[in-house]
Amino acid sequence: MDMEKVTTEQQLSRWAQLIQNRLESGQSIKEFCRTNGVSKATYYYWQKKVSEAKCTVVEEVKEPKAEVPSGWMQLASKPVSPAKATLEIKINGCNVIVNTETDLELLKKVCQVLMALMIRWNEKPVYLCCRYTDMRKSINGLITLVQESFSLDPFMNALFVFCNRNRNRIKILEWDGDGFWLYFKRLERGRFRWPTEEDSTTMLLDVKELACLIDSARLEKKLSRKEVLERQIS
């Protein structure tokens, strides 16, 4: 008989007994390894070998069943399903619970709606640029435009809305206290019904009017407007 095979079988038998003794005593793996002078990697290696060889049945010790008194029936406990990992998103009073079974396409649509609500549900004044804006401008360029052309403070609690020459793209600038947000929308078809004022470069809207603007409503006919008086930044 191959001596190497005999040695391996002896080790399997020895480790099977050691593992069984550990389980019966309730000793932790950490304590077992420290007591026997072996590493956790060695322990897990032999545990796997013992399991594969089916040298012995290694099971956690089960509590003995209590005897059921005469005239009574023991009901089987219902297995508890493992808890699902969840993620809760809270935005402006809306709570969205996401878990591993959440449909990704549905989650995408919900996030799109929440992004719109981030704008529509904040009761902020909306300053709209009546003239067209170069959409190549990013945050710094739009901040300069608000300061120099509107004579307004870009750090105020407000939204600043800009549109391109073709009226199919808009950008919205917002300061949230520690940084600027820049929202962008591009229409694949049609145009925004952009209001125009000959004597003013800026119009003051409310959030409802902004929502109508994003939905391509005709502001000129359906919404009342107030002209913004320019002011200097102190």
C-alpha atoms as a PDB file:
ATOM      1  CA  MET A   1       0.000   0.000   0.000  1.00  0.00           C
ATOM      2  CA  ASP A   2       1.203   3.476  -0.819  1.00  0.00           C
ATOM      3  CA  MET A   3       2.643   4.953   2.385  1.00  0.00           C
ATOM      4  CA  GLU A   4       1.731   8.483   1.283  1.00  0.00           C
ATOM      5  CA  LYS A   5      -1.889   7.432   0.922  1.00  0.00           C
ATOM      6  CA  VAL A   6      -1.835   5.806   4.353  1.00  0.00           C
ATOM      7  CA  THR A   7      -0.379   8.953   5.889  1.00  0.00           C
ATOM      8  CA  THR A   8      -3.056  11.133   4.246  1.00  0.00           C
ATOM      9  CA  GLU A   9      -5.840   8.866   5.491  1.00  0.00           C
ATOM     10  CA  GLN A  10      -4.394   8.964   8.988  1.00  0.00           C
ATOM     11  CA  GLN A  11      -4.303  12.755   8.877  1.00  0.00           C
ATOM     12  CA  LEU A  12      -7.878  12.865   7.588  1.00  0.00           C
ATOM     13  CA  SER A  13      -9.010  10.603  10.401  1.00  0.00           C
ATOM     14  CA  ARG A  14      -7.116  12.670  12.967  1.00  0.00           C
ATOM     15  CA  TRP A  15      -8.503  15.967  11.684  1.00  0.00           C
ATOM     16  CA  ALA A  16     -12.013  14.557  11.470  1.00  0.00           C
ATOM     17  CA  GLN A  17     -11.831  13.682  15.155  1.00  0.00           C
ATOM     18  CA  LEU A  18     -10.333  17.064  16.075  1.00  0.00           C
ATOM     19  CA  ILE A  19     -13.004  18.969  14.178  1.00  0.00           C
ATOM     20  CA  GLN A  20     -15.766  16.837  15.665  1.00  0.00           C
ATOM     21  CA  ASN A  21     -14.396  17.437  19.169  1.00  0.00           C
ATOM     22  CA  ARG A  22     -14.246  21.180  18.543  1.00  0.00           C
ATOM     23  CA  LEU A  23     -17.863  21.285  17.421  1.00  0.00           C
ATOM     24  CA  GLU A  24     -19.076  19.239  20.379  1.00  0.00           C
ATOM     25  CA  SER A  25     -17.186  21.400  22.871  1.00  0.00           C
ATOM     26  CA  GLY A  26     -18.421  24.651  21.354  1.00  0.00           C
ATOM     27  CA  GLN A  27     -14.881  25.921  21.004  1.00  0.00           C
ATOM     28  CA  SER A  28     -14.381  28.689  18.473  1.00  0.00           C
ATOM     29  CA  ILE A  29     -12.090  28.209  15.490  1.00  0.00           C
ATOM     30  CA  LYS A  30      -9.818  30.960  16.799  1.00  0.00           C
ATOM     31  CA  GLU A  31      -9.443  29.245  20.170  1.00  0.00           C
ATOM     32  CA  PHE A  32      -8.924  25.852  18.514  1.00  0.00           C
ATOM     33  CA  CYS A  33      -6.127  27.161  16.296  1.00  0.00           C
ATOM     34  CA  ARG A  34      -4.398  28.887  19.190  1.00  0.00           C
ATOM     35  CA  THR A  35      -4.619  25.773  21.395  1.00  0.00           C
ATOM     36  CA  ASN A  36      -3.341  23.393  18.708  1.00  0.00           C
ATOM     37  CA  GLY A  37      -0.761  25.752  17.242  1.00  0.00           C
ATOM     38  CA  VAL A  38      -2.183  25.804  13.704  1.00  0.00           C
ATOM     39  CA  SER A  39      -3.288  28.607  11.424  1.00  0.00           C
ATOM     40  CA  LYS A  40      -6.868  29.239  10.339  1.00  0.00           C
ATOM     41  CA  ALA A  41      -5.863  28.477   6.758  1.00  0.00           C
ATOM     42  CA  THR A  42      -4.651  25.021   7.845  1.00  0.00           C
ATOM     43  CA  TYR A  43      -7.854  24.398   9.765  1.00  0.00           C
ATOM     44  CA  TYR A  44     -10.091  25.356   6.839  1.00  0.00           C
ATOM     45  CA  TYR A  45      -7.936  23.274   4.483  1.00  0.00           C
ATOM     46  CA  TRP A  46      -8.424  20.095   6.515  1.00  0.00           C
ATOM     47  CA  GLN A  47     -12.064  20.837   7.181  1.00  0.00           C
ATOM     48  CA  LYS A  48     -12.573  20.935   3.423  1.00  0.00           C
ATOM     49  CA  LYS A  49     -10.586  17.716   2.957  1.00  0.00           C
ATOM     50  CA  VAL A  50     -12.592  15.932   5.650  1.00  0.00           C
ATOM     51  CA  SER A  51     -15.847  17.093   4.086  1.00  0.00           C
ATOM     52  CA  GLU A  52     -14.799  15.972   0.607  1.00  0.00           C
ATOM     53  CA  ALA A  53     -13.587  12.565   1.824  1.00  0.00           C
ATOM     54  CA  LYS A  54     -16.728  12.115   3.902  1.00  0.00           C
ATOM     55  CA  CYS A  55     -14.508  10.696   6.554  1.00  0.00           C
ATOM     56  CA  THR A  56     -17.072  11.568   9.161  1.00  0.00           C
ATOM     57  CA  VAL A  57     -20.226  13.588   9.391  1.00  0.00           C
ATOM     58  CA  VAL A  58     -19.323  16.976  10.767  1.00  0.00           C
ATOM     59  CA  GLU A  59     -22.324  18.775  12.104  1.00  0.00           C
ATOM     60  CA  GLU A  60     -22.986  21.337  14.738  1.00  0.00           C
ATOM     61  CA  VAL A  61     -24.292  19.795  17.928  1.00  0.00           C
ATOM     62  CA  LYS A  62     -28.040  20.038  18.035  1.00  0.00           C
ATOM     63  CA  GLU A  63     -29.939  20.533  21.238  1.00  0.00           C
ATOM     64  CA  PRO A  64     -31.737  17.359  22.288  1.00  0.00           C
ATOM     65  CA  LYS A  65     -35.439  17.441  21.702  1.00  0.00           C
ATOM     66  CA  ALA A  66     -37.466  17.790  24.860  1.00  0.00           C
ATOM     67  CA  GLU A  67     -39.988  15.094  25.535  1.00  0.00           C
ATOM     68  CA  VAL A  68     -43.542  16.151  24.707  1.00  0.00           C
ATOM     69  CA  PRO A  69     -45.992  15.517  27.557  1.00  0.00           C
ATOM     70  CA  SER A  70     -48.877  13.177  26.872  1.00  0.00           C
ATOM     71  CA  GLY A  71     -51.839  14.956  25.308  1.00  0.00           C
ATOM     72  CA  TRP A  72     -49.713  17.730  23.795  1.00  0.00           C
ATOM     73  CA  MET A  73     -48.420  18.225  20.264  1.00  0.00           C
ATOM     74  CA  GLN A  74     -45.129  19.857  19.331  1.00  0.00           C
ATOM     75  CA  LEU A  75     -45.439  22.299  16.433  1.00  0.00           C
ATOM     76  CA  ALA A  76     -42.593  22.633  13.973  1.00  0.00           C
ATOM     77  CA  SER A  77     -41.029  26.079  13.931  1.00  0.00           C
ATOM     78  CA  LYS A  78     -41.270  27.969  10.670  1.00  0.00           C
ATOM     79  CA  PRO A  79     -37.844  28.560   9.124  1.00  0.00           C
ATOM     80  CA  VAL A  80     -36.895  32.211   9.011  1.00  0.00           C
ATOM     81  CA  SER A  81     -35.819  33.389   5.585  1.00  0.00           C
ATOM     82  CA  PRO A  82     -32.545  35.326   5.547  1.00  0.00           C
ATOM     83  CA  ALA A  83     -32.917  39.084   5.504  1.00  0.00           C
ATOM     84  CA  LYS A  84     -32.447  40.729   2.138  1.00  0.00           C
ATOM     85  CA  ALA A  85     -29.868  43.450   1.774  1.00  0.00           C
ATOM     86  CA  THR A  86     -31.723  46.722   1.299  1.00  0.00           C
ATOM     87  CA  LEU A  87     -30.896  50.309   0.451  1.00  0.00           C
ATOM     88  CA  GLU A  88     -33.147  53.186   1.454  1.00  0.00           C
ATOM     89  CA  ILE A  89     -33.026  56.424  -0.551  1.00  0.00           C
ATOM     90  CA  LYS A  90     -34.586  59.551   0.946  1.00  0.00           C
ATOM     91  CA  ILE A  91     -35.066  62.642  -1.224  1.00  0.00           C
ATOM     92  CA  ASN A  92     -37.403  65.511  -0.362  1.00  0.00           C
ATOM     93  CA  GLY A  93     -39.707  63.370   1.750  1.00  0.00           C
ATOM     94  CA  CYS A  94     -39.736  60.436  -0.683  1.00  0.00           C
ATOM     95  CA  ASN A  95     -38.462  57.085   0.548  1.00  0.00           C
ATOM     96  CA  VAL A  96     -37.368  54.441  -1.971  1.00  0.00           C
ATOM     97  CA  ILE A  97     -36.480  50.947  -0.744  1.00  0.00           C
ATOM     98  CA  VAL A  98     -34.130  49.021  -3.040  1.00  0.00           C
ATOM     99  CA  ASN A  99     -33.144  45.367  -2.636  1.00  0.00           C
ATOM    100  CA  THR A 100     -31.689  42.587  -4.746  1.00  0.00           C
ATOM    101  CA  GLU A 101     -35.089  41.875  -6.313  1.00  0.00           C
ATOM    102  CA  THR A 102     -35.702  45.461  -7.454  1.00  0.00           C
ATOM    103  CA  ASP A 103     -36.240  45.805 -11.200  1.00  0.00           C
ATOM    104  CA  LEU A 104     -33.361  47.894 -12.574  1.00  0.00           C
ATOM    105  CA  GLU A 105     -35.462  49.518 -15.300  1.00  0.00           C
ATOM    106  CA  LEU A 106     -38.073  50.564 -12.741  1.00  0.00           C
ATOM    107  CA  LEU A 107     -35.355  51.918 -10.450  1.00  0.00           C
ATOM    108  CA  LYS A 108     -33.971  53.967 -13.346  1.00  0.00           C
ATOM    109  CA  LYS A 109     -37.376  55.563 -13.984  1.00  0.00           C
ATOM    110  CA  VAL A 110     -37.880  56.296 -10.289  1.00  0.00           C
ATOM    111  CA  CYS A 111     -34.480  58.007 -10.109  1.00  0.00           C
ATOM    112  CA  GLN A 112     -35.382  60.134 -13.130  1.00  0.00           C
ATOM    113  CA  VAL A 113     -38.587  61.252 -11.428  1.00  0.00           C
ATOM    114  CA  LEU A 114     -36.732  62.029  -8.205  1.00  0.00           C
ATOM    115  CA  MET A 115     -34.232  64.150 -10.113  1.00  0.00           C
ATOM    116  CA  ALA A 116     -37.150  66.176 -11.466  1.00  0.00           C
ATOM    117  CA  LEU A 117     -38.641  66.476  -7.983  1.00  0.00           C
ATOM    118  CA  MET A 118     -35.347  67.809  -6.667  1.00  0.00           C
ATOM    119  CA  ILE A 119     -36.024  70.824  -8.851  1.00  0.00           C
ATOM    120  CA  ARG A 120     -39.814  71.059  -8.762  1.00  0.00           C
ATOM    121  CA  TRP A 121     -40.362  70.580  -5.057  1.00  0.00           C
ATOM    122  CA  ASN A 122     -37.976  73.233  -3.819  1.00  0.00           C
ATOM    123  CA  GLU A 123     -39.855  76.485  -3.311  1.00  0.00           C
ATOM    124  CA  LYS A 124     -37.157  78.687  -4.779  1.00  0.00           C
ATOM    125  CA  PRO A 125     -37.397  81.711  -7.055  1.00  0.00           C
ATOM    126  CA  VAL A 126     -36.465  80.918 -10.639  1.00  0.00           C
ATOM    127  CA  TYR A 127     -34.508  83.437 -12.699  1.00  0.00           C
ATOM    128  CA  LEU A 128     -34.802  82.734 -16.398  1.00  0.00           C
ATOM    129  CA  CYS A 129     -32.449  84.130 -19.024  1.00  0.00           C
ATOM    130  CA  CYS A 130     -34.663  85.378 -21.877  1.00  0.00           C
ATOM    131  CA  ARG A 131     -31.805  85.557 -24.363  1.00  0.00           C
ATOM    132  CA  TYR A 132     -30.122  82.485 -25.757  1.00  0.00           C
ATOM    133  CA  THR A 133     -27.027  81.127 -23.989  1.00  0.00           C
ATOM    134  CA  ASP A 134     -24.014  79.326 -25.365  1.00  0.00           C
ATOM    135  CA  MET A 135     -24.478  75.784 -24.013  1.00  0.00           C
ATOM    136  CA  ARG A 136     -20.722  75.276 -24.015  1.00  0.00           C
ATOM    137  CA  LYS A 137     -20.670  77.330 -20.836  1.00  0.00           C
ATOM    138  CA  SER A 138     -20.275  75.199 -17.737  1.00  0.00           C
ATOM    139  CA  ILE A 139     -20.621  76.174 -14.083  1.00  0.00           C
ATOM    140  CA  ASN A 140     -17.952  78.903 -14.051  1.00  0.00           C
ATOM    141  CA  GLY A 141     -19.210  80.469 -17.275  1.00  0.00           C
ATOM    142  CA  LEU A 142     -22.818  80.546 -16.069  1.00  0.00           C
ATOM    143  CA  ILE A 143     -21.764  82.015 -12.706  1.00  0.00           C
ATOM    144  CA  THR A 144     -20.055  84.857 -14.556  1.00  0.00           C
ATOM    145  CA  LEU A 145     -23.179  85.362 -16.685  1.00  0.00           C
ATOM    146  CA  VAL A 146     -25.385  85.615 -13.591  1.00  0.00           C
ATOM    147  CA  GLN A 147     -23.049  88.132 -11.963  1.00  0.00           C
ATOM    148  CA  GLU A 148     -22.261  90.350 -14.950  1.00  0.00           C
ATOM    149  CA  SER A 149     -25.343  90.156 -17.185  1.00  0.00           C
ATOM    150  CA  PHE A 150     -28.064  89.719 -14.549  1.00  0.00           C
ATOM    151  CA  SER A 151     -26.360  91.652 -11.726  1.00  0.00           C
ATOM    152  CA  LEU A 152     -27.492  88.857  -9.399  1.00  0.00           C
ATOM    153  CA  ASP A 153     -25.748  86.752  -6.784  1.00  0.00           C
ATOM    154  CA  PRO A 154     -25.276  83.128  -7.995  1.00  0.00           C
ATOM    155  CA  PHE A 155     -24.917  82.020  -4.351  1.00  0.00           C
ATOM    156  CA  MET A 156     -28.463  83.064  -3.484  1.00  0.00           C
ATOM    157  CA  ASN A 157     -31.187  80.507  -2.763  1.00  0.00           C
ATOM    158  CA  ALA A 158     -32.534  80.417  -6.322  1.00  0.00           C
ATOM    159  CA  LEU A 159     -32.457  78.611  -9.659  1.00  0.00           C
ATOM    160  CA  PHE A 160     -30.963  80.165 -12.796  1.00  0.00           C
ATOM    161  CA  VAL A 161     -32.262  78.772 -16.097  1.00  0.00           C
ATOM    162  CA  PHE A 162     -30.622  79.100 -19.526  1.00  0.00           C
ATOM    163  CA  CYS A 163     -31.563  77.974 -23.041  1.00  0.00           C
ATOM    164  CA  ASN A 164     -29.660  77.655 -26.326  1.00  0.00           C
ATOM    165  CA  ARG A 165     -30.435  79.389 -29.638  1.00  0.00           C
ATOM    166  CA  ASN A 166     -32.363  76.400 -31.041  1.00  0.00           C
ATOM    167  CA  ARG A 167     -34.537  76.193 -27.899  1.00  0.00           C
ATOM    168  CA  ASN A 168     -33.963  72.475 -27.496  1.00  0.00           C
ATOM    169  CA  ARG A 169     -31.485  72.493 -24.607  1.00  0.00           C
ATOM    170  CA  ILE A 170     -31.639  74.030 -21.159  1.00  0.00           C
ATOM    171  CA  LYS A 171     -29.269  74.262 -18.219  1.00  0.00           C
ATOM    172  CA  ILE A 172     -30.221  75.070 -14.632  1.00  0.00           C
ATOM    173  CA  LEU A 173     -27.684  76.367 -12.125  1.00  0.00           C
ATOM    174  CA  GLU A 174     -28.279  75.943  -8.383  1.00  0.00           C
ATOM    175  CA  TRP A 175     -26.225  76.611  -5.255  1.00  0.00           C
ATOM    176  CA  ASP A 176     -27.077  74.153  -2.430  1.00  0.00           C
ATOM    177  CA  GLY A 177     -24.916  75.566   0.350  1.00  0.00           C
ATOM    178  CA  ASP A 178     -21.616  73.798  -0.286  1.00  0.00           C
ATOM    179  CA  GLY A 179     -21.441  73.467  -4.059  1.00  0.00           C
ATOM    180  CA  PHE A 180     -23.138  74.117  -7.390  1.00  0.00           C
ATOM    181  CA  TRP A 181     -25.546  71.790  -9.173  1.00  0.00           C
ATOM    182  CA  LEU A 182     -25.824  71.968 -12.961  1.00  0.00           C
ATOM    183  CA  TYR A 183     -28.924  70.324 -14.454  1.00  0.00           C
ATOM    184  CA  PHE A 184     -29.116  69.711 -18.192  1.00  0.00           C
ATOM    185  CA  LYS A 185     -31.938  68.642 -20.492  1.00  0.00           C
ATOM    186  CA  ARG A 186     -31.956  68.093 -24.254  1.00  0.00           C
ATOM    187  CA  LEU A 187     -35.148  67.649 -26.253  1.00  0.00           C
ATOM    188  CA  GLU A 188     -34.924  64.935 -28.884  1.00  0.00           C
ATOM    189  CA  ARG A 189     -37.971  66.394 -30.651  1.00  0.00           C
ATOM    190  CA  GLY A 190     -39.592  69.807 -30.609  1.00  0.00           C
ATOM    191  CA  ARG A 191     -38.564  72.982 -28.826  1.00  0.00           C
ATOM    192  CA  PHE A 192     -39.056  74.662 -25.514  1.00  0.00           C
ATOM    193  CA  ARG A 193     -41.654  77.438 -25.693  1.00  0.00           C
ATOM    194  CA  TRP A 194     -39.198  80.003 -24.432  1.00  0.00           C
ATOM    195  CA  PRO A 195     -40.588  83.387 -23.322  1.00  0.00           C
ATOM    196  CA  THR A 196     -38.995  86.558 -24.639  1.00  0.00           C
ATOM    197  CA  GLU A 197     -38.922  90.033 -23.136  1.00  0.00           C
ATOM    198  CA  GLU A 198     -37.631  92.883 -25.264  1.00  0.00           C
ATOM    199  CA  ASP A 199     -36.865  95.181 -22.340  1.00  0.00           C
ATOM    200  CA  SER A 200     -35.412  92.626 -19.942  1.00  0.00           C
ATOM    201  CA  THR A 201     -32.752  89.958 -20.046  1.00  0.00           C
ATOM    202  CA  THR A 202     -34.206  88.091 -17.079  1.00  0.00           C
ATOM    203  CA  MET A 203     -37.635  86.906 -15.953  1.00  0.00           C
ATOM    204  CA  LEU A 204     -38.782  85.764 -12.534  1.00  0.00           C
ATOM    205  CA  LEU A 205     -40.779  82.534 -12.413  1.00  0.00           C
ATOM    206  CA  ASP A 206     -41.961  80.199  -9.688  1.00  0.00           C
ATOM    207  CA  VAL A 207     -41.385  76.457  -9.482  1.00  0.00           C
ATOM    208  CA  LYS A 208     -44.756  75.657 -11.079  1.00  0.00           C
ATOM    209  CA  GLU A 209     -43.890  77.746 -14.091  1.00  0.00           C
ATOM    210  CA  LEU A 210     -40.491  76.083 -14.259  1.00  0.00           C
ATOM    211  CA  ALA A 211     -42.206  72.682 -14.256  1.00  0.00           C
ATOM    212  CA  CYS A 212     -44.370  73.820 -17.171  1.00  0.00           C
ATOM    213  CA  LEU A 213     -41.276  75.061 -18.964  1.00  0.00           C
ATOM    214  CA  ILE A 214     -39.535  71.720 -18.572  1.00  0.00           C
ATOM    215  CA  ASP A 215     -42.683  70.048 -19.901  1.00  0.00           C
ATOM    216  CA  SER A 216     -42.599  72.400 -22.910  1.00  0.00           C
ATOM    217  CA  ALA A 217     -45.704  74.389 -21.967  1.00  0.00           C
ATOM    218  CA  ARG A 218     -46.441  77.732 -23.650  1.00  0.00           C
ATOM    219  CA  LEU A 219     -45.359  80.228 -21.021  1.00  0.00           C
ATOM    220  CA  GLU A 220     -46.246  83.228 -23.146  1.00  0.00           C
ATOM    221  CA  LYS A 221     -49.975  82.433 -23.092  1.00  0.00           C
ATOM    222  CA  LYS A 222     -50.588  80.515 -19.864  1.00  0.00           C
ATOM    223  CA  LEU A 223     -48.314  81.998 -17.218  1.00  0.00           C
ATOM    224  CA  SER A 224     -48.074  85.350 -15.523  1.00  0.00           C
ATOM    225  CA  ARG A 225     -44.605  86.833 -15.320  1.00  0.00           C
ATOM    226  CA  LYS A 226     -42.777  89.465 -13.303  1.00  0.00           C
ATOM    227  CA  GLU A 227     -39.894  91.483 -14.623  1.00  0.00           C
ATOM    228  CA  VAL A 228     -36.694  91.274 -12.612  1.00  0.00           C
ATOM    229  CA  LEU A 229     -35.184  94.602 -11.654  1.00  0.00           C
ATOM    230  CA  GLU A 230     -31.428  94.496 -11.903  1.00  0.00           C
ATOM    231  CA  ARG A 231     -29.467  95.175  -8.731  1.00  0.00           C
ATOM    232  CA  GLN A 232     -25.822  95.487  -7.863  1.00  0.00           C
ATOM    233  CA  ILE A 233     -23.974  92.995  -5.648  1.00  0.00           C
ATOM    234  CA  SER A 234     -22.673  94.664  -2.515  1.00  0.00           C
END
